[in-house]
């Protein structure tokens, strides 16, 4: 996962995008899953949530999905990334493009929804 995900770092955010010219969060997840695991995931965060089994934060493994809500979405899923290891995950940030962040950052602890393991 690390080698494949490293190729995506710095790709700009683009709503509806799923390639290295620009991607959104669910597009990044679907492309990395296809590239690394040869698994086709749906293109929406809602569908990716449904395609995964719930995993607690402390039981996350490399490749698990991490889902977040937002202030605007209330309790609904608004963002997805892929867990790497040591509390880090890769995702497409609207402001910075594809980056690696820590689950321990205040924003991500505040808006944590759940982990997901693809079925």
N, C-alpha and C. Protein backbone atom coordinates (compact mmCIF):
# COMPACT_ATOMS: atom_id res chain seq x y z
N UNK A 1 0.84 -1.20 0.00
CA UNK A 1 0.00 0.00 0.00
C UNK A 1 0.88 1.25 0.00
N UNK A 2 1.99 1.23 0.76
CA UNK A 2 2.82 2.43 0.87
C UNK A 2 3.38 2.89 -0.46
N UNK A 3 3.93 1.97 -1.24
CA UNK A 3 4.55 2.35 -2.51
C UNK A 3 3.50 2.93 -3.45
N UNK A 4 2.37 2.24 -3.56
CA UNK A 4 1.30 2.72 -4.45
C UNK A 4 0.76 4.06 -3.98
N UNK A 5 0.57 4.20 -2.67
CA UNK A 5 -0.01 5.44 -2.17
C UNK A 5 0.96 6.61 -2.31
N UNK A 6 2.26 6.35 -2.22
CA UNK A 6 3.26 7.42 -2.34
C UNK A 6 3.16 8.11 -3.70
N UNK A 7 2.79 7.36 -4.74
CA UNK A 7 2.66 7.93 -6.08
C UNK A 7 1.55 8.98 -6.15
N UNK A 8 0.62 8.94 -5.20
CA UNK A 8 -0.54 9.84 -5.23
C UNK A 8 -0.33 11.11 -4.40
N UNK A 9 0.70 11.13 -3.55
CA UNK A 9 0.92 12.29 -2.68
C UNK A 9 1.09 13.55 -3.54
N UNK A 10 0.34 14.59 -3.19
CA UNK A 10 0.44 15.85 -3.90
C UNK A 10 -0.53 16.01 -5.07
N UNK A 11 -1.24 14.93 -5.43
CA UNK A 11 -2.24 15.06 -6.49
C UNK A 11 -3.30 16.06 -6.01
N UNK A 12 -3.67 17.03 -6.84
CA UNK A 12 -4.63 18.03 -6.39
C UNK A 12 -6.04 17.45 -6.18
N UNK A 13 -6.79 18.11 -5.31
CA UNK A 13 -8.18 17.73 -5.09
C UNK A 13 -9.02 18.17 -6.28
N UNK A 14 -9.90 17.29 -6.73
CA UNK A 14 -10.88 17.64 -7.75
C UNK A 14 -12.15 16.85 -7.49
N UNK A 15 -13.24 17.52 -7.20
CA UNK A 15 -14.52 16.86 -6.95
C UNK A 15 -14.88 15.99 -8.15
N UNK A 16 -15.21 14.73 -7.88
CA UNK A 16 -15.57 13.81 -8.94
C UNK A 16 -14.39 13.18 -9.65
N UNK A 17 -13.17 13.60 -9.31
CA UNK A 17 -11.98 13.08 -9.97
C UNK A 17 -11.53 11.75 -9.38
N UNK A 18 -10.81 10.97 -10.20
CA UNK A 18 -10.26 9.70 -9.71
C UNK A 18 -8.98 9.32 -10.46
N UNK A 19 -8.21 10.36 -10.82
CA UNK A 19 -6.93 10.07 -11.47
C UNK A 19 -5.88 11.07 -10.97
N UNK A 20 -4.66 10.92 -11.48
CA UNK A 20 -3.55 11.73 -10.94
C UNK A 20 -3.56 13.17 -11.41
N UNK A 21 -4.51 13.55 -12.24
CA UNK A 21 -4.69 14.96 -12.57
C UNK A 21 -5.55 15.66 -11.52
N UNK A 22 -6.28 14.86 -10.75
CA UNK A 22 -7.13 15.39 -9.69
C UNK A 22 -8.07 14.32 -9.18
N UNK A 23 -8.25 14.27 -7.86
CA UNK A 23 -9.10 13.24 -7.28
C UNK A 23 -9.82 13.76 -6.05
N UNK A 24 -10.95 13.14 -5.75
CA UNK A 24 -11.59 13.39 -4.47
C UNK A 24 -11.33 12.18 -3.58
N UNK A 25 -11.85 12.19 -2.37
CA UNK A 25 -11.50 11.15 -1.39
C UNK A 25 -11.95 9.76 -1.83
N UNK A 26 -13.18 9.63 -2.29
CA UNK A 26 -13.67 8.30 -2.68
C UNK A 26 -13.03 7.83 -3.99
N UNK A 27 -12.68 8.77 -4.85
CA UNK A 27 -11.96 8.41 -6.08
C UNK A 27 -10.58 7.86 -5.78
N UNK A 28 -9.88 8.49 -4.84
CA UNK A 28 -8.56 8.00 -4.42
C UNK A 28 -8.68 6.59 -3.85
N UNK A 29 -9.65 6.38 -2.96
CA UNK A 29 -9.84 5.07 -2.34
C UNK A 29 -10.14 4.01 -3.40
N UNK A 30 -11.05 4.31 -4.32
CA UNK A 30 -11.41 3.31 -5.33
C UNK A 30 -10.22 2.99 -6.23
N UNK A 31 -9.43 3.99 -6.61
CA UNK A 31 -8.28 3.75 -7.47
C UNK A 31 -7.17 2.97 -6.76
N UNK A 32 -6.89 3.31 -5.49
CA UNK A 32 -5.85 2.58 -4.76
C UNK A 32 -6.27 1.13 -4.50
N UNK A 33 -7.54 0.91 -4.20
CA UNK A 33 -8.00 -0.47 -3.99
C UNK A 33 -7.89 -1.29 -5.27
N UNK A 34 -8.19 -0.67 -6.40
CA UNK A 34 -8.07 -1.37 -7.67
C UNK A 34 -6.60 -1.67 -7.95
N UNK A 35 -5.73 -0.69 -7.73
CA UNK A 35 -4.30 -0.81 -8.03
C UNK A 35 -3.60 -1.80 -7.10
N UNK A 36 -3.87 -1.71 -5.79
CA UNK A 36 -3.13 -2.50 -4.80
C UNK A 36 -3.75 -3.88 -4.57
N UNK A 37 -5.07 -3.93 -4.44
CA UNK A 37 -5.74 -5.18 -4.05
C UNK A 37 -6.54 -5.82 -5.18
N UNK A 38 -6.58 -5.17 -6.36
CA UNK A 38 -7.39 -5.65 -7.47
C UNK A 38 -8.86 -5.84 -7.06
N UNK A 39 -9.35 -4.91 -6.24
CA UNK A 39 -10.74 -4.92 -5.76
C UNK A 39 -11.41 -3.66 -6.28
N UNK A 40 -12.57 -3.83 -6.89
CA UNK A 40 -13.34 -2.70 -7.38
C UNK A 40 -14.33 -2.25 -6.31
N UNK A 41 -14.12 -1.06 -5.80
CA UNK A 41 -15.04 -0.47 -4.84
C UNK A 41 -15.90 0.55 -5.56
N UNK A 42 -17.06 0.80 -5.00
CA UNK A 42 -17.94 1.84 -5.53
C UNK A 42 -17.23 3.19 -5.46
N UNK A 43 -17.81 4.16 -6.13
CA UNK A 43 -17.19 5.48 -6.26
C UNK A 43 -17.69 6.49 -5.25
N UNK A 44 -18.58 6.11 -4.34
CA UNK A 44 -19.10 7.08 -3.36
C UNK A 44 -18.75 6.65 -1.95
N UNK A 45 -18.59 7.62 -1.07
CA UNK A 45 -18.29 7.31 0.33
C UNK A 45 -19.41 6.50 0.96
N UNK A 46 -20.67 6.84 0.65
CA UNK A 46 -21.80 6.08 1.20
C UNK A 46 -21.71 4.61 0.83
N UNK A 47 -21.44 4.33 -0.45
CA UNK A 47 -21.35 2.95 -0.92
C UNK A 47 -20.11 2.25 -0.34
N UNK A 48 -19.00 2.96 -0.23
CA UNK A 48 -17.80 2.36 0.35
C UNK A 48 -18.04 1.99 1.81
N UNK A 49 -18.80 2.81 2.51
CA UNK A 49 -19.17 2.49 3.89
C UNK A 49 -19.96 1.18 3.93
N UNK A 50 -20.92 1.03 3.01
CA UNK A 50 -21.75 -0.18 2.96
C UNK A 50 -20.95 -1.41 2.56
N UNK A 51 -19.88 -1.21 1.78
CA UNK A 51 -19.07 -2.33 1.29
C UNK A 51 -18.01 -2.78 2.31
N UNK A 52 -18.06 -2.22 3.50
CA UNK A 52 -17.05 -2.57 4.51
C UNK A 52 -17.73 -2.96 5.81
N UNK A 53 -17.04 -3.83 6.55
CA UNK A 53 -17.49 -4.23 7.88
C UNK A 53 -16.89 -3.30 8.92
N UNK A 54 -17.66 -2.97 9.92
CA UNK A 54 -17.22 -2.04 10.96
C UNK A 54 -15.99 -2.56 11.70
N UNK A 55 -15.03 -1.66 11.91
CA UNK A 55 -13.81 -1.98 12.64
C UNK A 55 -13.56 -0.83 13.62
N UNK A 56 -13.21 -1.17 14.85
CA UNK A 56 -12.91 -0.12 15.83
C UNK A 56 -11.57 0.53 15.50
N UNK A 57 -11.40 1.71 15.99
CA UNK A 57 -10.18 2.45 15.73
C UNK A 57 -8.94 1.70 16.21
N UNK A 58 -9.03 1.04 17.34
CA UNK A 58 -7.86 0.34 17.89
C UNK A 58 -7.54 -0.96 17.15
N UNK A 59 -8.47 -1.44 16.33
CA UNK A 59 -8.25 -2.69 15.58
C UNK A 59 -7.96 -2.46 14.10
N UNK A 60 -7.66 -1.23 13.72
CA UNK A 60 -7.38 -0.93 12.31
C UNK A 60 -6.12 -1.65 11.84
N UNK A 61 -6.19 -2.13 10.61
CA UNK A 61 -5.03 -2.74 9.94
C UNK A 61 -4.77 -2.00 8.64
N UNK A 62 -3.55 -2.11 8.13
CA UNK A 62 -3.21 -1.48 6.86
C UNK A 62 -4.23 -1.86 5.79
N UNK A 63 -4.72 -0.85 5.09
CA UNK A 63 -5.70 -1.08 4.03
C UNK A 63 -7.14 -0.89 4.45
N UNK A 64 -7.39 -0.82 5.76
CA UNK A 64 -8.76 -0.57 6.23
C UNK A 64 -9.17 0.85 5.84
N UNK A 65 -10.45 1.04 5.64
CA UNK A 65 -10.98 2.37 5.33
C UNK A 65 -11.25 3.11 6.63
N UNK A 66 -11.10 4.42 6.60
CA UNK A 66 -11.42 5.26 7.75
C UNK A 66 -12.43 6.30 7.28
N UNK A 67 -13.54 6.38 8.01
CA UNK A 67 -14.65 7.24 7.63
C UNK A 67 -14.86 8.36 8.65
N UNK A 68 -15.23 9.52 8.13
CA UNK A 68 -15.43 10.70 8.97
C UNK A 68 -16.73 11.40 8.61
N UNK A 69 -17.29 12.08 9.58
CA UNK A 69 -18.42 12.96 9.34
C UNK A 69 -17.84 14.37 9.17
N UNK A 70 -18.68 15.37 9.20
CA UNK A 70 -18.23 16.76 9.18
C UNK A 70 -19.25 17.59 9.93
N UNK A 71 -18.92 18.83 10.16
CA UNK A 71 -19.87 19.72 10.82
C UNK A 71 -21.17 19.79 10.01
N UNK A 72 -21.06 19.87 8.71
CA UNK A 72 -22.23 20.00 7.85
C UNK A 72 -23.03 18.70 7.70
N UNK A 73 -22.34 17.56 7.71
CA UNK A 73 -23.02 16.29 7.44
C UNK A 73 -23.62 15.66 8.69
N UNK A 74 -23.35 16.24 9.84
CA UNK A 74 -23.82 15.70 11.13
C UNK A 74 -23.28 14.28 11.31
N UNK A 75 -24.16 13.28 11.37
CA UNK A 75 -23.72 11.90 11.63
C UNK A 75 -23.50 11.08 10.36
N UNK A 76 -23.71 11.69 9.20
CA UNK A 76 -23.53 10.96 7.94
C UNK A 76 -22.08 11.00 7.49
N UNK A 77 -21.68 10.00 6.72
CA UNK A 77 -20.31 9.94 6.23
C UNK A 77 -20.07 11.10 5.25
N UNK A 78 -18.92 11.74 5.40
CA UNK A 78 -18.57 12.87 4.55
C UNK A 78 -17.19 12.72 3.91
N UNK A 79 -16.36 11.82 4.46
CA UNK A 79 -14.97 11.73 4.01
C UNK A 79 -14.46 10.32 4.27
N UNK A 80 -13.56 9.85 3.40
CA UNK A 80 -12.97 8.52 3.55
C UNK A 80 -11.48 8.59 3.21
N UNK A 81 -10.73 7.74 3.87
CA UNK A 81 -9.31 7.57 3.59
C UNK A 81 -8.93 6.12 3.78
N UNK A 82 -7.66 5.81 3.59
CA UNK A 82 -7.16 4.44 3.78
C UNK A 82 -6.10 4.46 4.86
N UNK A 83 -6.30 3.58 5.86
CA UNK A 83 -5.36 3.48 6.97
C UNK A 83 -4.05 2.88 6.47
N UNK A 84 -2.94 3.48 6.90
CA UNK A 84 -1.61 2.98 6.56
C UNK A 84 -1.05 2.18 7.73
N UNK A 85 -0.53 2.86 8.73
CA UNK A 85 -0.11 2.24 9.99
C UNK A 85 0.31 3.34 10.94
N UNK A 86 0.51 2.99 12.20
CA UNK A 86 0.96 3.95 13.22
C UNK A 86 0.07 5.19 13.30
N UNK A 87 -1.24 4.98 13.14
CA UNK A 87 -2.17 6.09 13.27
C UNK A 87 -2.24 7.01 12.07
N UNK A 88 -1.62 6.65 10.96
CA UNK A 88 -1.59 7.49 9.77
C UNK A 88 -2.53 6.95 8.69
N UNK A 89 -3.09 7.85 7.90
CA UNK A 89 -3.94 7.46 6.79
C UNK A 89 -3.73 8.40 5.62
N UNK A 90 -4.00 7.89 4.43
CA UNK A 90 -3.89 8.69 3.21
C UNK A 90 -5.29 9.07 2.77
N UNK A 91 -5.43 10.31 2.29
CA UNK A 91 -6.75 10.78 1.86
C UNK A 91 -6.57 11.99 0.96
N UNK A 92 -7.66 12.37 0.29
CA UNK A 92 -7.66 13.55 -0.57
C UNK A 92 -8.32 14.69 0.18
N UNK A 93 -7.52 15.62 0.63
CA UNK A 93 -7.99 16.80 1.36
C UNK A 93 -8.46 17.85 0.36
N UNK A 94 -9.58 18.49 0.64
CA UNK A 94 -10.08 19.51 -0.28
C UNK A 94 -9.11 20.67 -0.40
N UNK A 95 -8.38 20.98 0.66
CA UNK A 95 -7.48 22.14 0.63
C UNK A 95 -6.05 21.81 0.20
N UNK A 96 -5.58 20.58 0.44
CA UNK A 96 -4.17 20.26 0.18
C UNK A 96 -3.97 19.13 -0.83
N UNK A 97 -5.04 18.56 -1.34
CA UNK A 97 -4.90 17.42 -2.25
C UNK A 97 -4.58 16.16 -1.45
N UNK A 98 -3.92 15.21 -2.10
CA UNK A 98 -3.63 13.92 -1.46
C UNK A 98 -2.48 14.09 -0.48
N UNK A 99 -2.78 13.75 0.78
CA UNK A 99 -1.80 13.88 1.86
C UNK A 99 -1.94 12.69 2.81
N UNK A 100 -0.96 12.55 3.69
CA UNK A 100 -1.03 11.60 4.80
C UNK A 100 -1.27 12.42 6.05
N UNK A 101 -2.25 12.01 6.84
CA UNK A 101 -2.59 12.70 8.08
C UNK A 101 -2.60 11.71 9.23
N UNK A 102 -2.65 12.23 10.44
CA UNK A 102 -2.73 11.41 11.64
C UNK A 102 -4.16 11.37 12.16
N UNK A 103 -4.60 10.18 12.53
CA UNK A 103 -5.92 10.04 13.15
C UNK A 103 -5.98 10.79 14.48
N UNK A 104 -4.82 11.13 15.05
CA UNK A 104 -4.79 11.83 16.33
C UNK A 104 -4.95 13.34 16.22
N UNK A 105 -4.97 13.87 14.98
CA UNK A 105 -5.22 15.30 14.83
C UNK A 105 -6.62 15.59 15.33
N UNK A 106 -6.78 16.75 15.96
CA UNK A 106 -8.05 17.10 16.59
C UNK A 106 -9.23 16.96 15.64
N UNK A 107 -9.10 17.45 14.43
CA UNK A 107 -10.21 17.40 13.48
C UNK A 107 -10.68 15.96 13.26
N UNK A 108 -9.71 15.05 13.06
CA UNK A 108 -10.06 13.66 12.75
C UNK A 108 -10.56 12.90 13.97
N UNK A 109 -10.14 13.25 15.15
CA UNK A 109 -10.73 12.62 16.34
C UNK A 109 -12.15 13.15 16.56
N UNK A 110 -12.37 14.42 16.29
CA UNK A 110 -13.69 15.03 16.49
C UNK A 110 -14.72 14.46 15.52
N UNK A 111 -14.32 14.22 14.27
CA UNK A 111 -15.27 13.80 13.25
C UNK A 111 -15.17 12.33 12.87
N UNK A 112 -14.44 11.55 13.66
CA UNK A 112 -14.32 10.11 13.42
C UNK A 112 -15.72 9.48 13.38
N UNK A 113 -15.97 8.66 12.37
CA UNK A 113 -17.23 7.92 12.29
C UNK A 113 -16.99 6.43 12.60
N UNK A 114 -16.15 5.80 11.78
CA UNK A 114 -15.77 4.40 12.06
C UNK A 114 -14.72 3.93 11.07
N UNK A 115 -14.10 2.82 11.41
CA UNK A 115 -13.22 2.13 10.47
C UNK A 115 -14.04 1.12 9.69
N UNK A 116 -13.51 0.71 8.55
CA UNK A 116 -14.20 -0.28 7.74
C UNK A 116 -13.22 -1.23 7.07
N UNK A 117 -13.52 -2.50 7.16
CA UNK A 117 -12.70 -3.52 6.48
C UNK A 117 -13.49 -4.04 5.31
N UNK A 118 -12.92 -3.97 4.13
CA UNK A 118 -13.65 -4.38 2.92
C UNK A 118 -13.96 -5.87 3.00
N UNK A 119 -15.22 -6.18 2.72
CA UNK A 119 -15.75 -7.55 2.84
C UNK A 119 -15.11 -8.51 1.85
